[in-house]
Amino acid sequence: MESTIDIVNVVASTKLAEEFDLPKIEAELECAEYNKKKFPGLVYRVKAPNAAFLIFTSGKTVCTGSKNLEDVRAVVTTLAKTLKSIGFENINLEPEIHIQNIVASADLKTKLNINAVALGLGLENIEYEPEQFPGLVYRIKVPKVVVLIFSSGKLVITGGKSPEECEEGVRIVRIKLENMGLL
């Protein structure tokens, strides 16, 4: 039985300019929030597709909340055009986008005995403290992802830089559980 991932969040970074005047952006853009005393960046939320940006005076931005890589590209391009339209001349309209983290979920569609999973995976790459958190944290070295495993058979994969890395994390967990006779 194959499981496929559902991407929940993509976090990406880019550099759109050499510097930004954050108070000017806040004054020009609806839904922009800037409070230097609370946080050094400006928060800007967009809809359709949903995403949020952290914009810094350094010209760097972080995009979060997108559900796929295409949406990231679309909202970053839209942000660049919007900033250019409000008077920022030296905006990179085709910036290099770096995926920092993908959070995905998957469902093995079976109940799991997490105590048996913890014993079977060994102590080296796991954290399991049921009094603190109901899931088992499994750190995979290649690809470098973290998979949270729950007794419901649900998985949360984080740390991937591509959907393929997240899929590979699920595949590794599935194989290990099958080899232990737990699936």
N, C-alpha and C. Protein backbone atom coordinates (compact mmCIF):
# COMPACT_ATOMS: atom_id res chain seq x y z
N MET A 1 0.85 -1.19 0.00
CA MET A 1 0.00 0.00 0.00
C MET A 1 0.90 1.24 0.00
N GLU A 2 0.81 2.03 -1.04
CA GLU A 2 1.62 3.24 -1.14
C GLU A 2 0.94 4.40 -0.41
N SER A 3 1.73 5.22 0.21
CA SER A 3 1.18 6.44 0.79
C SER A 3 1.77 7.60 0.01
N THR A 4 0.99 8.62 -0.17
CA THR A 4 1.51 9.81 -0.82
C THR A 4 1.45 10.94 0.17
N ILE A 5 2.29 11.91 -0.04
CA ILE A 5 2.34 13.04 0.88
C ILE A 5 1.37 14.12 0.45
N ASP A 6 0.95 14.88 1.42
CA ASP A 6 0.20 16.12 1.18
C ASP A 6 1.07 17.24 1.73
N ILE A 7 1.46 18.15 0.86
CA ILE A 7 2.28 19.27 1.32
C ILE A 7 1.39 20.23 2.09
N VAL A 8 1.83 20.58 3.28
CA VAL A 8 1.07 21.45 4.17
C VAL A 8 1.62 22.87 4.14
N ASN A 9 2.94 22.99 4.00
CA ASN A 9 3.58 24.30 4.06
C ASN A 9 4.93 24.24 3.36
N VAL A 10 5.22 25.27 2.58
CA VAL A 10 6.53 25.43 1.97
C VAL A 10 7.10 26.74 2.48
N VAL A 11 8.32 26.69 2.99
CA VAL A 11 9.02 27.89 3.45
C VAL A 11 10.17 28.13 2.49
N ALA A 12 10.20 29.33 1.91
CA ALA A 12 11.23 29.66 0.93
C ALA A 12 11.79 31.05 1.21
N SER A 13 13.02 31.27 0.78
CA SER A 13 13.62 32.59 0.95
C SER A 13 14.14 33.09 -0.39
N THR A 14 14.25 34.39 -0.47
CA THR A 14 14.76 35.01 -1.69
C THR A 14 15.26 36.41 -1.34
N LYS A 15 15.97 37.00 -2.27
CA LYS A 15 16.42 38.40 -2.11
C LYS A 15 15.85 39.18 -3.28
N LEU A 16 14.98 40.14 -2.98
CA LEU A 16 14.31 40.91 -4.02
C LEU A 16 14.99 42.24 -4.32
N ALA A 17 15.78 42.75 -3.36
CA ALA A 17 16.42 44.06 -3.54
C ALA A 17 17.62 44.16 -2.61
N GLU A 18 18.36 45.24 -2.74
CA GLU A 18 19.50 45.47 -1.84
C GLU A 18 19.04 45.97 -0.48
N GLU A 19 17.92 46.70 -0.47
CA GLU A 19 17.37 47.17 0.80
C GLU A 19 15.92 47.58 0.61
N PHE A 20 15.19 47.58 1.72
CA PHE A 20 13.79 48.01 1.70
C PHE A 20 13.55 49.03 2.79
N ASP A 21 12.67 49.98 2.50
CA ASP A 21 12.17 50.94 3.46
C ASP A 21 10.86 50.34 3.98
N LEU A 22 10.93 49.66 5.12
CA LEU A 22 9.77 48.93 5.63
C LEU A 22 8.60 49.84 6.02
N PRO A 23 8.84 51.01 6.62
CA PRO A 23 7.70 51.89 6.90
C PRO A 23 6.97 52.31 5.61
N LYS A 24 7.71 52.52 4.53
CA LYS A 24 7.08 52.88 3.25
C LYS A 24 6.21 51.73 2.74
N ILE A 25 6.73 50.50 2.84
CA ILE A 25 5.94 49.34 2.40
C ILE A 25 4.67 49.23 3.24
N GLU A 26 4.81 49.40 4.55
CA GLU A 26 3.64 49.30 5.43
C GLU A 26 2.60 50.36 5.06
N ALA A 27 3.05 51.56 4.75
CA ALA A 27 2.12 52.65 4.40
C ALA A 27 1.41 52.39 3.07
N GLU A 28 2.09 51.72 2.14
CA GLU A 28 1.56 51.52 0.79
C GLU A 28 0.71 50.26 0.63
N LEU A 29 1.00 49.25 1.40
CA LEU A 29 0.33 47.96 1.19
C LEU A 29 -0.67 47.64 2.29
N GLU A 30 -1.89 47.35 1.86
CA GLU A 30 -2.89 46.87 2.81
C GLU A 30 -2.42 45.53 3.35
N CYS A 31 -2.76 45.21 4.54
CA CYS A 31 -2.41 43.92 5.18
C CYS A 31 -0.93 43.82 5.54
N ALA A 32 -0.18 44.91 5.43
CA ALA A 32 1.22 44.88 5.85
C ALA A 32 1.30 45.36 7.29
N GLU A 33 2.09 44.65 8.09
CA GLU A 33 2.23 44.99 9.51
C GLU A 33 3.71 45.11 9.84
N TYR A 34 4.07 46.24 10.43
CA TYR A 34 5.48 46.44 10.80
C TYR A 34 5.54 47.09 12.17
N ASN A 35 6.17 46.41 13.11
CA ASN A 35 6.39 46.95 14.44
C ASN A 35 7.81 46.57 14.83
N LYS A 36 8.73 47.48 14.59
CA LYS A 36 10.16 47.23 14.80
C LYS A 36 10.48 46.79 16.24
N LYS A 37 9.67 47.24 17.20
CA LYS A 37 9.93 46.87 18.59
C LYS A 37 9.62 45.40 18.86
N LYS A 38 8.66 44.84 18.11
CA LYS A 38 8.27 43.44 18.31
C LYS A 38 9.05 42.47 17.42
N PHE A 39 9.32 42.90 16.18
CA PHE A 39 9.96 42.00 15.21
C PHE A 39 10.67 42.87 14.16
N PRO A 40 11.88 42.49 13.75
CA PRO A 40 12.64 43.34 12.83
C PRO A 40 12.15 43.35 11.38
N GLY A 41 11.21 42.49 11.07
CA GLY A 41 10.71 42.43 9.69
C GLY A 41 9.26 42.86 9.59
N LEU A 42 8.85 43.09 8.35
CA LEU A 42 7.47 43.44 8.05
C LEU A 42 6.74 42.16 7.67
N VAL A 43 5.52 42.00 8.15
CA VAL A 43 4.70 40.83 7.81
C VAL A 43 3.67 41.28 6.78
N TYR A 44 3.61 40.54 5.68
CA TYR A 44 2.67 40.88 4.61
C TYR A 44 1.97 39.60 4.18
N ARG A 45 0.64 39.60 4.28
CA ARG A 45 -0.16 38.42 3.94
C ARG A 45 -0.86 38.64 2.60
N VAL A 46 -0.90 37.58 1.81
CA VAL A 46 -1.61 37.63 0.53
C VAL A 46 -2.59 36.46 0.46
N LYS A 47 -3.59 36.63 -0.39
CA LYS A 47 -4.58 35.57 -0.59
C LYS A 47 -4.55 35.15 -2.05
N ALA A 48 -5.01 33.95 -2.31
CA ALA A 48 -5.19 33.40 -3.67
C ALA A 48 -3.92 33.44 -4.50
N PRO A 49 -2.96 32.60 -4.27
CA PRO A 49 -2.91 31.59 -3.21
C PRO A 49 -2.45 32.20 -1.88
N ASN A 50 -2.88 31.58 -0.80
CA ASN A 50 -2.53 32.06 0.53
C ASN A 50 -1.05 31.94 0.78
N ALA A 51 -0.47 32.98 1.35
CA ALA A 51 0.93 32.96 1.75
C ALA A 51 1.17 34.16 2.65
N ALA A 52 2.25 34.12 3.37
CA ALA A 52 2.67 35.26 4.19
C ALA A 52 4.15 35.49 3.92
N PHE A 53 4.53 36.75 3.93
CA PHE A 53 5.92 37.12 3.73
C PHE A 53 6.46 37.81 4.96
N LEU A 54 7.72 37.54 5.25
CA LEU A 54 8.49 38.33 6.18
C LEU A 54 9.46 39.09 5.29
N ILE A 55 9.39 40.41 5.34
CA ILE A 55 10.22 41.26 4.49
C ILE A 55 11.17 42.02 5.40
N PHE A 56 12.46 42.00 5.07
CA PHE A 56 13.47 42.62 5.91
C PHE A 56 14.15 43.79 5.20
N THR A 57 14.71 44.71 5.99
CA THR A 57 15.38 45.87 5.41
C THR A 57 16.53 45.47 4.49
N SER A 58 17.09 44.30 4.68
CA SER A 58 18.21 43.81 3.86
C SER A 58 17.80 43.46 2.43
N GLY A 59 16.50 43.51 2.14
CA GLY A 59 16.02 43.12 0.81
C GLY A 59 15.65 41.66 0.72
N LYS A 60 15.90 40.93 1.81
CA LYS A 60 15.57 39.50 1.83
C LYS A 60 14.12 39.32 2.26
N THR A 61 13.51 38.25 1.74
CA THR A 61 12.15 37.91 2.14
C THR A 61 12.06 36.42 2.41
N VAL A 62 11.14 36.07 3.28
CA VAL A 62 10.83 34.68 3.56
C VAL A 62 9.35 34.52 3.26
N CYS A 63 9.03 33.50 2.48
CA CYS A 63 7.64 33.21 2.12
C CYS A 63 7.23 31.92 2.83
N THR A 64 6.09 31.94 3.47
CA THR A 64 5.60 30.75 4.15
C THR A 64 4.09 30.62 3.92
N GLY A 65 3.60 29.40 4.04
CA GLY A 65 2.18 29.17 3.94
C GLY A 65 1.71 28.61 2.61
N SER A 66 2.57 28.57 1.61
CA SER A 66 2.18 28.01 0.32
C SER A 66 2.07 26.50 0.42
N LYS A 67 1.26 25.92 -0.44
CA LYS A 67 1.02 24.48 -0.42
C LYS A 67 1.80 23.74 -1.50
N ASN A 68 2.45 24.47 -2.41
CA ASN A 68 3.26 23.82 -3.43
C ASN A 68 4.30 24.80 -3.97
N LEU A 69 5.26 24.26 -4.72
CA LEU A 69 6.37 25.07 -5.22
C LEU A 69 5.91 26.08 -6.26
N GLU A 70 4.91 25.72 -7.06
CA GLU A 70 4.40 26.63 -8.08
C GLU A 70 3.78 27.87 -7.43
N ASP A 71 3.05 27.67 -6.33
CA ASP A 71 2.46 28.81 -5.63
C ASP A 71 3.53 29.72 -5.06
N VAL A 72 4.62 29.15 -4.58
CA VAL A 72 5.72 29.97 -4.05
C VAL A 72 6.23 30.89 -5.15
N ARG A 73 6.53 30.32 -6.30
CA ARG A 73 7.03 31.12 -7.43
C ARG A 73 6.02 32.21 -7.79
N ALA A 74 4.73 31.86 -7.85
CA ALA A 74 3.69 32.82 -8.23
C ALA A 74 3.60 33.98 -7.23
N VAL A 75 3.58 33.67 -5.92
CA VAL A 75 3.41 34.76 -4.95
C VAL A 75 4.67 35.61 -4.83
N VAL A 76 5.84 35.01 -4.99
CA VAL A 76 7.08 35.80 -4.95
C VAL A 76 7.11 36.76 -6.15
N THR A 77 6.75 36.26 -7.32
CA THR A 77 6.72 37.11 -8.51
C THR A 77 5.71 38.24 -8.34
N THR A 78 4.54 37.92 -7.80
CA THR A 78 3.52 38.95 -7.55
C THR A 78 4.02 39.98 -6.55
N LEU A 79 4.68 39.54 -5.49
CA LEU A 79 5.23 40.48 -4.51
C LEU A 79 6.26 41.40 -5.17
N ALA A 80 7.14 40.83 -5.98
CA ALA A 80 8.16 41.65 -6.64
C ALA A 80 7.50 42.72 -7.52
N LYS A 81 6.50 42.35 -8.28
CA LYS A 81 5.79 43.31 -9.15
C LYS A 81 5.07 44.37 -8.31
N THR A 82 4.48 43.94 -7.20
CA THR A 82 3.76 44.88 -6.32
C THR A 82 4.73 45.90 -5.74
N LEU A 83 5.89 45.43 -5.28
CA LEU A 83 6.88 46.35 -4.70
C LEU A 83 7.40 47.32 -5.76
N LYS A 84 7.58 46.84 -6.96
CA LYS A 84 8.02 47.72 -8.05
C LYS A 84 6.95 48.78 -8.33
N SER A 85 5.67 48.37 -8.27
CA SER A 85 4.58 49.29 -8.58
C SER A 85 4.42 50.39 -7.53
N ILE A 86 4.94 50.18 -6.32
CA ILE A 86 4.81 51.22 -5.28
C ILE A 86 6.09 52.06 -5.16
N GLY A 87 7.00 51.89 -6.13
CA GLY A 87 8.14 52.80 -6.17
C GLY A 87 9.50 52.21 -5.89
N PHE A 88 9.60 50.93 -5.66
CA PHE A 88 10.92 50.33 -5.47
C PHE A 88 11.45 49.95 -6.85
N GLU A 89 12.44 50.70 -7.32
CA GLU A 89 12.92 50.56 -8.70
C GLU A 89 13.79 49.33 -8.93
N ASN A 90 14.68 49.04 -8.02
CA ASN A 90 15.68 47.98 -8.25
C ASN A 90 15.23 46.62 -7.71
N ILE A 91 14.04 46.22 -8.10
CA ILE A 91 13.49 44.94 -7.66
C ILE A 91 13.88 43.86 -8.67
N ASN A 92 14.32 42.73 -8.15
CA ASN A 92 14.61 41.58 -9.00
C ASN A 92 13.28 40.88 -9.28
N LEU A 93 12.81 40.96 -10.52
CA LEU A 93 11.51 40.36 -10.86
C LEU A 93 11.58 38.86 -11.08
N GLU A 94 12.78 38.31 -11.21
CA GLU A 94 12.95 36.86 -11.36
C GLU A 94 14.03 36.38 -10.38
N PRO A 95 13.75 36.50 -9.09
CA PRO A 95 14.78 36.14 -8.10
C PRO A 95 14.97 34.63 -7.98
N GLU A 96 16.15 34.28 -7.51
CA GLU A 96 16.42 32.88 -7.19
C GLU A 96 15.70 32.57 -5.88
N ILE A 97 14.93 31.49 -5.89
CA ILE A 97 14.16 31.10 -4.71
C ILE A 97 14.79 29.87 -4.10
N HIS A 98 15.02 29.93 -2.80
CA HIS A 98 15.64 28.81 -2.07
C HIS A 98 14.59 28.18 -1.15
N ILE A 99 14.30 26.91 -1.36
CA ILE A 99 13.38 26.21 -0.48
C ILE A 99 14.12 25.90 0.82
N GLN A 100 13.59 26.37 1.92
CA GLN A 100 14.21 26.15 3.23
C GLN A 100 13.64 24.93 3.94
N ASN A 101 12.35 24.70 3.74
CA ASN A 101 11.69 23.62 4.47
C ASN A 101 10.35 23.31 3.83
N ILE A 102 10.05 22.03 3.75
CA ILE A 102 8.73 21.60 3.33
C ILE A 102 8.15 20.76 4.46
N VAL A 103 6.93 21.07 4.85
CA VAL A 103 6.21 20.28 5.84
C VAL A 103 5.12 19.55 5.09
N ALA A 104 5.08 18.23 5.27
CA ALA A 104 4.09 17.41 4.58
C ALA A 104 3.49 16.42 5.57
N SER A 105 2.36 15.83 5.17
CA SER A 105 1.75 14.80 5.98
C SER A 105 1.50 13.58 5.10
N ALA A 106 1.37 12.44 5.75
CA ALA A 106 1.07 11.19 5.06
C ALA A 106 0.29 10.31 6.02
N ASP A 107 -0.36 9.31 5.48
CA ASP A 107 -1.16 8.40 6.30
C ASP A 107 -0.83 6.97 5.89
N LEU A 108 -0.33 6.18 6.84
CA LEU A 108 -0.02 4.77 6.56
C LEU A 108 -1.27 3.92 6.58
N LYS A 109 -2.39 4.50 6.99
CA LYS A 109 -3.70 3.84 7.00
C LYS A 109 -3.72 2.57 7.85
N THR A 110 -3.02 2.63 8.96
CA THR A 110 -3.04 1.53 9.92
C THR A 110 -2.65 2.08 11.28
N LYS A 111 -3.13 1.44 12.34
CA LYS A 111 -2.73 1.82 13.69
C LYS A 111 -1.34 1.27 13.96
N LEU A 112 -0.56 2.00 14.75
CA LEU A 112 0.80 1.57 15.06
C LEU A 112 0.99 1.46 16.57
N ASN A 113 1.79 0.50 16.97
CA ASN A 113 2.23 0.38 18.36
C ASN A 113 3.52 1.19 18.45
N ILE A 114 3.41 2.42 18.94
CA ILE A 114 4.56 3.32 18.95
C ILE A 114 5.68 2.81 19.84
N ASN A 115 5.35 2.11 20.93
CA ASN A 115 6.40 1.55 21.77
C ASN A 115 7.23 0.54 20.98
N ALA A 116 6.56 -0.31 20.20
CA ALA A 116 7.27 -1.29 19.37
C ALA A 116 8.08 -0.59 18.28
N VAL A 117 7.51 0.47 17.70
CA VAL A 117 8.25 1.24 16.68
C VAL A 117 9.51 1.83 17.29
N ALA A 118 9.40 2.40 18.49
CA ALA A 118 10.55 3.00 19.17
C ALA A 118 11.64 1.96 19.41
N LEU A 119 11.25 0.78 19.89
CA LEU A 119 12.23 -0.27 20.13
C LEU A 119 12.87 -0.75 18.82
N GLY A 120 12.06 -0.89 17.79
CA GLY A 120 12.55 -1.39 16.51
C GLY A 120 13.47 -0.43 15.79
N LEU A 121 13.23 0.86 15.93
CA LEU A 121 14.07 1.84 15.25
C LEU A 121 15.37 2.10 16.00
N GLY A 122 15.42 1.66 17.25
CA GLY A 122 16.63 1.89 18.04
C GLY A 122 16.64 3.30 18.59
N LEU A 123 17.56 3.55 19.49
CA LEU A 123 17.56 4.82 20.20
C LEU A 123 18.38 5.91 19.52
N GLU A 124 19.18 5.53 18.54
CA GLU A 124 20.13 6.48 17.96
C GLU A 124 19.48 7.67 17.26
N ASN A 125 18.44 7.42 16.46
CA ASN A 125 17.86 8.49 15.65
C ASN A 125 16.43 8.86 16.04
N ILE A 126 16.02 8.46 17.24
CA ILE A 126 14.64 8.77 17.64
C ILE A 126 14.59 9.53 18.96
N GLU A 127 13.47 10.19 19.14
CA GLU A 127 13.11 10.78 20.42
C GLU A 127 11.68 10.33 20.67
N TYR A 128 11.46 9.75 21.83
CA TYR A 128 10.11 9.32 22.17
C TYR A 128 9.90 9.49 23.65
N GLU A 129 9.11 10.48 23.99
CA GLU A 129 8.74 10.75 25.37
C GLU A 129 7.24 10.94 25.41
N PRO A 130 6.48 9.83 25.55
CA PRO A 130 5.02 9.91 25.46
C PRO A 130 4.37 10.84 26.50
N GLU A 131 5.06 11.11 27.61
CA GLU A 131 4.50 12.03 28.60
C GLU A 131 4.56 13.47 28.09
N GLN A 132 5.53 13.72 27.20
CA GLN A 132 5.73 15.07 26.68
C GLN A 132 5.02 15.32 25.34
N PHE A 133 5.01 14.27 24.47
CA PHE A 133 4.50 14.42 23.11
C PHE A 133 4.03 13.06 22.63
N PRO A 134 2.85 12.98 22.02
CA PRO A 134 2.27 11.67 21.68
C PRO A 134 2.91 10.97 20.49
N GLY A 135 3.81 11.63 19.79
CA GLY A 135 4.43 11.01 18.62
C GLY A 135 5.88 10.68 18.84
N LEU A 136 6.38 9.86 17.95
CA LEU A 136 7.79 9.50 17.95
C LEU A 136 8.49 10.37 16.92
N VAL A 137 9.62 10.95 17.28
CA VAL A 137 10.39 11.79 16.37
C VAL A 137 11.52 10.94 15.81
N TYR A 138 11.50 10.74 14.50
CA TYR A 138 12.50 9.91 13.83
C TYR A 138 13.31 10.78 12.88
N ARG A 139 14.61 10.87 13.14
CA ARG A 139 15.51 11.68 12.31
C ARG A 139 16.20 10.79 11.29
N ILE A 140 15.98 11.09 10.03
CA ILE A 140 16.60 10.34 8.94
C ILE A 140 17.78 11.15 8.42
N LYS A 141 18.91 10.49 8.22
CA LYS A 141 20.11 11.21 7.79
C LYS A 141 20.10 11.54 6.30
N VAL A 142 19.67 10.59 5.45
CA VAL A 142 19.62 10.82 4.01
C VAL A 142 18.29 10.30 3.49
N PRO A 143 17.43 11.14 2.98
CA PRO A 143 17.54 12.60 2.97
C PRO A 143 17.39 13.14 4.38
N LYS A 144 17.90 14.32 4.61
CA LYS A 144 17.87 14.89 5.96
C LYS A 144 16.46 15.42 6.24
N VAL A 145 15.62 14.54 6.76
CA VAL A 145 14.24 14.90 7.12
C VAL A 145 13.95 14.35 8.51
N VAL A 146 12.93 14.91 9.12
CA VAL A 146 12.42 14.41 10.40
C VAL A 146 11.00 13.94 10.15
N VAL A 147 10.69 12.73 10.62
CA VAL A 147 9.35 12.19 10.46
C VAL A 147 8.76 11.99 11.85
N LEU A 148 7.61 12.61 12.08
CA LEU A 148 6.88 12.39 13.32
C LEU A 148 5.92 11.24 13.03
N ILE A 149 5.97 10.21 13.86
CA ILE A 149 5.16 9.02 13.67
C ILE A 149 4.16 8.93 14.82
N PHE A 150 2.87 8.80 14.48
CA PHE A 150 1.83 8.74 15.49
C PHE A 150 1.15 7.37 15.48
N SER A 151 0.57 7.00 16.61
CA SER A 151 -0.08 5.68 16.72
C SER A 151 -1.24 5.54 15.74
N SER A 152 -1.80 6.62 15.27
CA SER A 152 -2.90 6.60 14.30
C SER A 152 -2.42 6.18 12.91
N GLY A 153 -1.10 6.09 12.73
CA GLY A 153 -0.54 5.79 11.41
C GLY A 153 -0.27 7.05 10.61
N LYS A 154 -0.57 8.18 11.17
CA LYS A 154 -0.31 9.46 10.49
C LYS A 154 1.15 9.84 10.69
N LEU A 155 1.70 10.47 9.66
CA LEU A 155 3.08 10.93 9.68
C LEU A 155 3.12 12.42 9.36
N VAL A 156 4.05 13.12 9.95
CA VAL A 156 4.35 14.51 9.57
C VAL A 156 5.82 14.52 9.20
N ILE A 157 6.12 15.02 8.01
CA ILE A 157 7.49 15.04 7.51
C ILE A 157 7.91 16.50 7.44
N THR A 158 9.08 16.81 7.98
CA THR A 158 9.57 18.18 7.95
C THR A 158 11.06 18.18 7.66
N GLY A 159 11.54 19.30 7.16
CA GLY A 159 12.97 19.43 6.89
C GLY A 159 13.35 19.15 5.45
N GLY A 160 12.43 18.63 4.67
CA GLY A 160 12.74 18.35 3.27
C GLY A 160 12.91 19.62 2.48
N LYS A 161 13.75 19.55 1.46
CA LYS A 161 13.96 20.69 0.56
C LYS A 161 13.21 20.48 -0.75
N SER A 162 12.60 19.30 -0.91
CA SER A 162 11.82 19.01 -2.12
C SER A 162 10.74 18.01 -1.75
N PRO A 163 9.67 17.95 -2.55
CA PRO A 163 8.64 16.93 -2.29
C PRO A 163 9.22 15.52 -2.37
N GLU A 164 10.20 15.33 -3.24
CA GLU A 164 10.81 14.00 -3.38
C GLU A 164 11.53 13.57 -2.10
N GLU A 165 12.18 14.51 -1.41
CA GLU A 165 12.82 14.16 -0.14
C GLU A 165 11.78 13.74 0.89
N CYS A 166 10.64 14.44 0.91
CA CYS A 166 9.57 14.07 1.84
C CYS A 166 9.02 12.69 1.51
N GLU A 167 8.80 12.42 0.22
CA GLU A 167 8.33 11.10 -0.22
C GLU A 167 9.33 10.01 0.19
N GLU A 168 10.61 10.30 0.02
CA GLU A 168 11.64 9.32 0.38
C GLU A 168 11.63 9.05 1.88
N GLY A 169 11.40 10.08 2.69
CA GLY A 169 11.29 9.89 4.14
C GLY A 169 10.16 8.94 4.49
N VAL A 170 9.01 9.09 3.83
CA VAL A 170 7.87 8.19 4.06
C VAL A 170 8.23 6.77 3.61
N ARG A 171 8.88 6.65 2.46
CA ARG A 171 9.27 5.33 1.94
C ARG A 171 10.20 4.61 2.91
N ILE A 172 11.16 5.34 3.48
CA ILE A 172 12.10 4.76 4.43
C ILE A 172 11.36 4.27 5.68
N VAL A 173 10.46 5.08 6.20
CA VAL A 173 9.68 4.69 7.39
C VAL A 173 8.86 3.44 7.08
N ARG A 174 8.19 3.44 5.93
CA ARG A 174 7.36 2.30 5.54
C ARG A 174 8.20 1.02 5.47
N ILE A 175 9.35 1.08 4.83
CA ILE A 175 10.21 -0.11 4.70
C ILE A 175 10.67 -0.60 6.07
N LYS A 176 11.08 0.33 6.93
CA LYS A 176 11.53 -0.06 8.27
C LYS A 176 10.40 -0.72 9.06
N LEU A 177 9.20 -0.15 8.99
CA LEU A 177 8.06 -0.73 9.70
C LEU A 177 7.67 -2.09 9.14
N GLU A 178 7.71 -2.22 7.82
CA GLU A 178 7.43 -3.52 7.19
C GLU A 178 8.46 -4.56 7.62
N ASN A 179 9.74 -4.17 7.65
CA ASN A 179 10.80 -5.09 8.07
C ASN A 179 10.67 -5.53 9.52
N MET A 180 10.04 -4.68 10.34
CA MET A 180 9.82 -5.03 11.75
C MET A 180 8.51 -5.79 11.93
N GLY A 181 7.75 -5.95 10.86
CA GLY A 181 6.46 -6.64 10.95
C GLY A 181 5.38 -5.79 11.61
N LEU A 182 5.54 -4.48 11.55
CA LEU A 182 4.59 -3.58 12.22
C LEU A 182 3.56 -2.97 11.27
N LEU A 183 3.67 -3.29 9.99
CA LEU A 183 2.67 -2.80 9.02
C LEU A 183 1.86 -3.95 8.49
